[in-house]
Amino acid sequence: MSADAATLSALGAAALFAAGTALQYREATFAVSGSASPLAVLRRLVVSPAWLLGTGLLAVGLGFHAYALNQGTLTLVQPLLITGVLFTLPASRFAGGPPLRLAELAWAVVLVAGLAAFLVTSTPASQSARAVDSLPAFGIAAGSVAGVAVCLVVAKRSRGNLAATMLGVAAGIGLAGSAALIKICTELATRGLGVLASSWQLYAMTVVGLSSVAISQLAYRAGPMTASIPAINTVNPIVSVLLGWAAFDDTFRVSPQAVSVEVVSLVAVLAATVALSRHAAIRHNEARLERSPAGNRPPSTPA
């Protein structure tokens, strides 16, 4: 395992995810009209070079993500993916968004500084590969499934911000579980494709990953993206850290000084993630308002 390779790959994945998502959002916004059916929108997107390029970037980013998980720990890789909201700023501008704002740049600095402090302080220089602890893994899996079920029930009975937030939490839990399964599958693949193909983890990864993506799309449709995106971006790394600690025996420095820095830096990271996610969502909704037909504009998103 190589922490340096995992770090670089995770940062590359975050950048590719941000660029690919920005391109897809941009093309989807242009494709949407008041009278267009979902099928007509899909047909327009699948022949759009920019949308296809965004899809390709997301696929390459997934490869970088899988390699990072193979080379590093969940507790290292998943928090680094938070930098995706940082890469979203220039990607959004490139995709036709407004110029960067001073508040966004300030929160970006807080995010980078807090994340660096958390990773340097909490994670030892090297950690050996360990087998998955089955009992804690199944316990967390059961708890995650229960948590997702509760979120879906609450979302179904709610509307607006609450529904979007609950669906975002469910998607964040699912994406963390998907990352853990990707890590296991990359390790199985080193033993041979036959071993991977015959493992239940491969099919579980596919189901969990696709379900999480579907739930995240429902979250975007349920209410303002300012409610769903922060929930996804904060729950995913938190659950991943818990999975890494309980199931993969990832270790942390636990001295009083280290814990103090870890808590403060993690709070800073989460605050910056929420702030930047809200800014990114507001940008997206403002662009959608500008490009929507005058008679079919959705209501403004609250800041």
Protein backbone atom coordinates (compact mmCIF):
# COMPACT_ATOMS: atom_id res chain seq x y z
CA MET A 1 0.00 0.00 0.00
CA SER A 2 1.21 3.52 -0.84
CA ALA A 3 -0.20 6.56 0.94
CA ASP A 4 1.34 8.90 -1.65
CA ALA A 5 -0.24 7.03 -4.56
CA ALA A 6 -3.59 6.91 -2.75
CA THR A 7 -3.47 10.65 -2.04
CA LEU A 8 -2.64 11.63 -5.61
CA SER A 9 -5.23 9.24 -7.04
CA ALA A 10 -7.94 10.45 -4.66
CA LEU A 11 -7.23 14.08 -5.55
CA GLY A 12 -7.29 13.16 -9.24
CA ALA A 13 -10.62 11.39 -8.76
CA ALA A 14 -12.07 14.43 -6.97
CA ALA A 15 -10.97 16.74 -9.79
CA LEU A 16 -12.35 14.43 -12.49
CA PHE A 17 -15.64 13.98 -10.65
CA ALA A 18 -16.02 17.77 -10.37
CA ALA A 19 -15.19 18.40 -14.05
CA GLY A 20 -17.41 15.59 -15.30
CA THR A 21 -20.34 16.63 -13.13
CA ALA A 22 -20.02 20.29 -14.21
CA LEU A 23 -20.13 19.30 -17.89
CA GLN A 24 -23.12 17.02 -17.38
CA TYR A 25 -25.04 19.65 -15.39
CA ARG A 26 -24.30 22.26 -18.06
CA GLU A 27 -25.57 20.08 -20.89
CA ALA A 28 -28.56 18.84 -18.89
CA THR A 29 -29.53 22.44 -18.19
CA PHE A 30 -29.43 23.30 -21.89
CA ALA A 31 -31.38 20.13 -22.73
CA VAL A 32 -34.23 20.87 -20.31
CA SER A 33 -37.31 22.69 -21.58
CA GLY A 34 -40.82 23.02 -20.31
CA SER A 35 -42.30 20.70 -22.97
CA ALA A 36 -39.48 18.17 -23.35
CA SER A 37 -40.15 14.66 -22.13
CA PRO A 38 -37.51 12.82 -20.06
CA LEU A 39 -36.88 10.51 -23.02
CA ALA A 40 -36.36 13.47 -25.36
CA VAL A 41 -33.92 15.03 -22.90
CA LEU A 42 -32.01 11.74 -22.62
CA ARG A 43 -31.82 11.40 -26.40
CA ARG A 44 -30.38 14.89 -26.67
CA LEU A 45 -27.82 14.25 -23.94
CA VAL A 46 -26.48 10.96 -25.29
CA VAL A 47 -25.55 12.63 -28.60
CA SER A 48 -24.00 15.68 -26.93
CA PRO A 49 -20.17 15.60 -27.16
CA ALA A 50 -19.83 17.66 -23.96
CA TRP A 51 -22.18 15.36 -22.00
CA LEU A 52 -20.35 12.29 -23.29
CA LEU A 53 -17.03 13.90 -22.34
CA GLY A 54 -18.40 14.49 -18.84
CA THR A 55 -19.47 10.85 -18.64
CA GLY A 56 -15.99 9.78 -19.74
CA LEU A 57 -14.37 11.97 -17.09
CA LEU A 58 -16.61 10.44 -14.43
CA ALA A 59 -15.66 6.94 -15.59
CA VAL A 60 -11.94 7.76 -15.46
CA GLY A 61 -12.46 9.36 -12.04
CA LEU A 62 -14.07 6.14 -10.83
CA GLY A 63 -10.95 4.28 -11.95
CA PHE A 64 -8.74 6.71 -10.01
CA HIS A 65 -11.04 6.28 -7.00
CA ALA A 66 -10.79 2.50 -7.14
CA TYR A 67 -6.99 2.65 -7.42
CA ALA A 68 -6.80 5.06 -4.48
CA LEU A 69 -8.90 2.71 -2.34
CA ASN A 70 -6.66 -0.19 -3.34
CA GLN A 71 -3.52 1.72 -2.36
CA GLY A 72 -4.78 3.52 0.73
CA THR A 73 -7.26 3.37 3.59
CA LEU A 74 -10.87 4.48 3.64
CA THR A 75 -9.97 7.00 6.33
CA LEU A 76 -7.48 8.63 3.95
CA VAL A 77 -9.21 8.39 0.58
CA GLN A 78 -12.80 9.32 1.38
CA PRO A 79 -12.02 12.56 3.28
CA LEU A 80 -9.81 13.61 0.34
CA LEU A 81 -12.80 13.32 -1.97
CA ILE A 82 -14.27 16.29 -0.08
CA THR A 83 -11.88 18.40 -2.17
CA GLY A 84 -14.31 17.76 -5.02
CA VAL A 85 -16.34 20.75 -3.82
CA LEU A 86 -13.13 22.79 -4.12
CA PHE A 87 -12.51 21.65 -7.71
CA THR A 88 -16.15 22.43 -8.46
CA LEU A 89 -15.42 26.18 -8.26
CA PRO A 90 -13.18 26.47 -11.34
CA ALA A 91 -15.14 23.69 -13.08
CA SER A 92 -18.37 25.64 -12.60
CA ARG A 93 -16.74 28.77 -13.97
CA PHE A 94 -15.43 26.83 -16.98
CA ALA A 95 -18.91 25.44 -17.60
CA GLY A 96 -20.33 28.95 -17.89
CA GLY A 97 -20.92 29.88 -14.26
CA PRO A 98 -20.34 33.31 -12.67
CA PRO A 99 -16.89 34.47 -11.49
CA LEU A 100 -15.57 33.12 -8.20
CA ARG A 101 -16.59 35.04 -5.11
CA LEU A 102 -14.36 36.09 -2.23
CA ALA A 103 -16.40 34.08 0.28
CA GLU A 104 -15.94 30.94 -1.82
CA LEU A 105 -12.18 31.43 -1.99
CA ALA A 106 -12.06 31.98 1.78
CA TRP A 107 -13.99 28.79 2.48
CA ALA A 108 -11.74 26.96 0.01
CA VAL A 109 -8.69 27.98 2.06
CA VAL A 110 -10.41 26.78 5.24
CA LEU A 111 -11.24 23.46 3.59
CA VAL A 112 -7.69 22.80 2.39
CA ALA A 113 -6.09 23.85 5.68
CA GLY A 114 -8.55 21.88 7.81
CA LEU A 115 -8.30 18.76 5.69
CA ALA A 116 -4.50 18.86 5.68
CA ALA A 117 -4.41 19.32 9.46
CA PHE A 118 -6.87 16.45 10.02
CA LEU A 119 -5.04 13.96 7.78
CA VAL A 120 -1.55 14.84 9.01
CA THR A 121 -2.57 14.75 12.66
CA SER A 122 -4.90 11.74 12.71
CA THR A 123 -3.35 9.19 10.37
CA PRO A 124 -0.01 7.49 11.07
CA ALA A 125 2.61 7.64 8.32
CA SER A 126 1.91 4.05 7.23
CA GLN A 127 -0.70 1.40 7.89
CA SER A 128 -0.44 -2.22 6.90
CA ALA A 129 -3.16 -3.95 4.92
CA ARG A 130 -5.54 -5.94 7.10
CA ALA A 131 -8.35 -8.34 6.37
CA VAL A 132 -11.88 -7.10 6.89
CA ASP A 133 -13.27 -7.73 10.36
CA SER A 134 -16.46 -9.59 9.44
CA LEU A 135 -18.50 -9.02 12.59
CA PRO A 136 -18.04 -5.23 12.80
CA ALA A 137 -18.46 -4.99 9.01
CA PHE A 138 -21.81 -6.79 9.03
CA GLY A 139 -22.90 -4.79 12.08
CA ILE A 140 -22.17 -1.49 10.36
CA ALA A 141 -23.76 -2.77 7.14
CA ALA A 142 -26.96 -3.63 9.03
CA GLY A 143 -26.94 -0.26 10.74
CA SER A 144 -26.36 1.51 7.42
CA VAL A 145 -29.25 -0.32 5.76
CA ALA A 146 -31.49 0.60 8.68
CA GLY A 147 -30.34 4.22 8.51
CA VAL A 148 -31.02 4.42 4.78
CA ALA A 149 -34.47 2.86 5.29
CA VAL A 150 -35.36 5.41 7.98
CA CYS A 151 -34.18 8.28 5.77
CA LEU A 152 -36.24 7.03 2.83
CA VAL A 153 -39.37 6.68 4.99
CA VAL A 154 -38.95 10.20 6.41
CA ALA A 155 -38.27 11.61 2.94
CA LYS A 156 -41.38 9.96 1.52
CA ARG A 157 -43.51 11.63 4.20
CA SER A 158 -41.81 15.02 3.80
CA ARG A 159 -41.34 17.69 1.18
CA GLY A 160 -38.84 20.36 0.27
CA ASN A 161 -35.69 20.83 2.33
CA LEU A 162 -36.34 17.97 4.75
CA ALA A 163 -37.02 15.45 2.00
CA ALA A 164 -33.91 16.53 0.07
CA THR A 165 -31.76 16.40 3.20
CA MET A 166 -32.97 12.93 4.21
CA LEU A 167 -32.37 11.59 0.71
CA GLY A 168 -28.94 13.23 0.75
CA VAL A 169 -28.09 11.50 4.02
CA ALA A 170 -29.25 8.17 2.57
CA ALA A 171 -27.13 8.71 -0.55
CA GLY A 172 -24.11 9.64 1.57
CA ILE A 173 -24.43 6.44 3.61
CA GLY A 174 -24.77 4.39 0.44
CA LEU A 175 -21.77 6.00 -1.26
CA ALA A 176 -19.62 5.27 1.79
CA GLY A 177 -20.70 1.63 1.70
CA SER A 178 -20.01 1.52 -2.03
CA ALA A 179 -16.48 2.83 -1.44
CA ALA A 180 -15.84 0.09 1.14
CA LEU A 181 -17.04 -2.55 -1.33
CA ILE A 182 -14.89 -1.05 -4.11
CA LYS A 183 -11.88 -1.36 -1.82
CA ILE A 184 -12.64 -5.02 -1.16
CA CYS A 185 -13.24 -5.72 -4.87
CA THR A 186 -9.93 -4.16 -5.92
CA GLU A 187 -8.16 -6.44 -3.48
CA LEU A 188 -10.05 -9.48 -4.77
CA ALA A 189 -9.15 -8.51 -8.34
CA THR A 190 -5.45 -8.88 -7.50
CA ARG A 191 -6.12 -12.60 -6.96
CA GLY A 192 -7.63 -12.98 -10.44
CA LEU A 193 -10.72 -11.91 -12.36
CA GLY A 194 -12.30 -15.29 -11.70
CA VAL A 195 -12.08 -14.73 -7.96
CA LEU A 196 -13.65 -11.29 -8.37
CA ALA A 197 -16.43 -12.50 -10.66
CA SER A 198 -17.38 -15.28 -8.23
CA SER A 199 -17.50 -12.97 -5.20
CA TRP A 200 -20.73 -11.58 -3.79
CA GLN A 201 -18.97 -8.30 -3.04
CA LEU A 202 -18.82 -7.40 -6.76
CA TYR A 203 -22.58 -7.66 -7.17
CA ALA A 204 -23.24 -5.96 -3.85
CA MET A 205 -20.98 -3.10 -4.96
CA THR A 206 -22.95 -2.75 -8.20
CA VAL A 207 -26.33 -2.71 -6.47
CA VAL A 208 -25.23 -0.35 -3.68
CA GLY A 209 -23.44 2.00 -6.07
CA LEU A 210 -26.30 2.27 -8.57
CA SER A 211 -28.86 2.61 -5.78
CA SER A 212 -26.84 5.41 -4.17
CA VAL A 213 -26.59 7.30 -7.45
CA ALA A 214 -30.34 6.90 -7.99
CA ILE A 215 -31.10 8.18 -4.47
CA SER A 216 -28.82 11.18 -5.00
CA GLN A 217 -30.74 12.06 -8.18
CA LEU A 218 -34.01 11.82 -6.23
CA ALA A 219 -32.49 14.11 -3.62
CA TYR A 220 -31.70 16.74 -6.27
CA ARG A 221 -35.29 16.58 -7.52
CA ALA A 222 -36.93 16.55 -4.06
CA GLY A 223 -35.85 20.05 -3.03
CA PRO A 224 -33.14 22.68 -3.21
CA MET A 225 -29.67 21.31 -3.91
CA THR A 226 -28.48 23.46 -1.01
CA ALA A 227 -30.20 20.87 1.20
CA SER A 228 -29.02 17.67 -0.50
CA ILE A 229 -25.42 18.33 -1.56
CA PRO A 230 -24.11 19.31 1.92
CA ALA A 231 -25.77 16.22 3.39
CA ILE A 232 -24.13 13.92 0.84
CA ASN A 233 -20.70 15.55 1.12
CA THR A 234 -20.61 15.42 4.92
CA VAL A 235 -22.23 12.03 5.62
CA ASN A 236 -20.10 10.15 3.05
CA PRO A 237 -16.68 10.83 4.66
CA ILE A 238 -17.99 10.50 8.23
CA VAL A 239 -19.48 7.06 7.59
CA SER A 240 -16.36 6.09 5.61
CA VAL A 241 -14.12 6.97 8.55
CA LEU A 242 -16.30 4.87 10.85
CA LEU A 243 -16.19 1.96 8.38
CA GLY A 244 -12.42 2.24 8.06
CA TRP A 245 -11.94 2.24 11.82
CA ALA A 246 -14.38 -0.58 12.63
CA ALA A 247 -14.14 -2.91 9.62
CA PHE A 248 -10.63 -2.32 8.24
CA ASP A 249 -8.82 -1.57 11.52
CA ASP A 250 -7.61 1.83 10.29
CA THR A 251 -5.75 3.46 13.16
CA PHE A 252 -5.65 7.03 14.44
CA ARG A 253 -3.40 8.98 16.74
CA VAL A 254 -5.28 9.31 20.02
CA SER A 255 -3.10 11.50 22.23
CA PRO A 256 -4.96 14.43 23.85
CA GLN A 257 -3.11 16.93 21.64
CA ALA A 258 -3.80 14.97 18.46
CA VAL A 259 -7.49 14.48 19.28
CA SER A 260 -7.90 18.21 19.96
CA VAL A 261 -6.44 19.12 16.57
CA GLU A 262 -8.47 16.38 14.85
CA VAL A 263 -11.76 17.64 16.30
CA VAL A 264 -11.10 21.29 15.45
CA SER A 265 -9.85 20.53 11.95
CA LEU A 266 -12.75 18.15 11.22
CA VAL A 267 -15.29 20.78 12.33
CA ALA A 268 -13.57 23.29 10.03
CA VAL A 269 -13.64 20.83 7.12
CA LEU A 270 -17.33 20.05 7.59
CA ALA A 271 -18.24 23.74 7.91
CA ALA A 272 -16.30 24.59 4.75
CA THR A 273 -17.83 21.62 2.91
CA VAL A 274 -21.35 22.74 3.78
CA ALA A 275 -20.61 26.34 2.79
CA LEU A 276 -18.96 25.43 -0.53
CA SER A 277 -21.67 22.88 -1.31
CA ARG A 278 -24.33 25.53 -0.77
CA HIS A 279 -22.46 27.95 -3.03
CA ALA A 280 -22.13 25.27 -5.71
CA ALA A 281 -25.83 24.43 -5.48
CA ILE A 282 -26.82 28.09 -5.65
CA ARG A 283 -24.65 28.53 -8.75
CA HIS A 284 -26.32 25.56 -10.40
CA ASN A 285 -29.83 26.76 -9.61
CA GLU A 286 -29.03 30.32 -10.75
CA ALA A 287 -27.75 28.94 -14.07
CA ARG A 288 -30.89 26.83 -14.42
CA LEU A 289 -33.07 29.88 -13.78
CA GLU A 290 -31.21 31.92 -16.40
CA ARG A 291 -31.50 29.20 -19.04
CA SER A 292 -35.08 28.15 -18.34
CA PRO A 293 -37.84 29.49 -20.60
CA ALA A 294 -39.38 32.63 -19.13
CA GLY A 295 -42.72 30.96 -18.58
CA ASN A 296 -41.36 27.83 -16.99
CA ARG A 297 -38.83 29.09 -14.45
CA PRO A 298 -38.66 27.15 -11.21
CA PRO A 299 -38.86 29.01 -7.92
CA SER A 300 -35.71 30.60 -6.58
CA THR A 301 -33.54 28.55 -4.26
CA PRO A 302 -33.11 30.01 -0.78
CA ALA A 303 -29.58 30.86 0.22
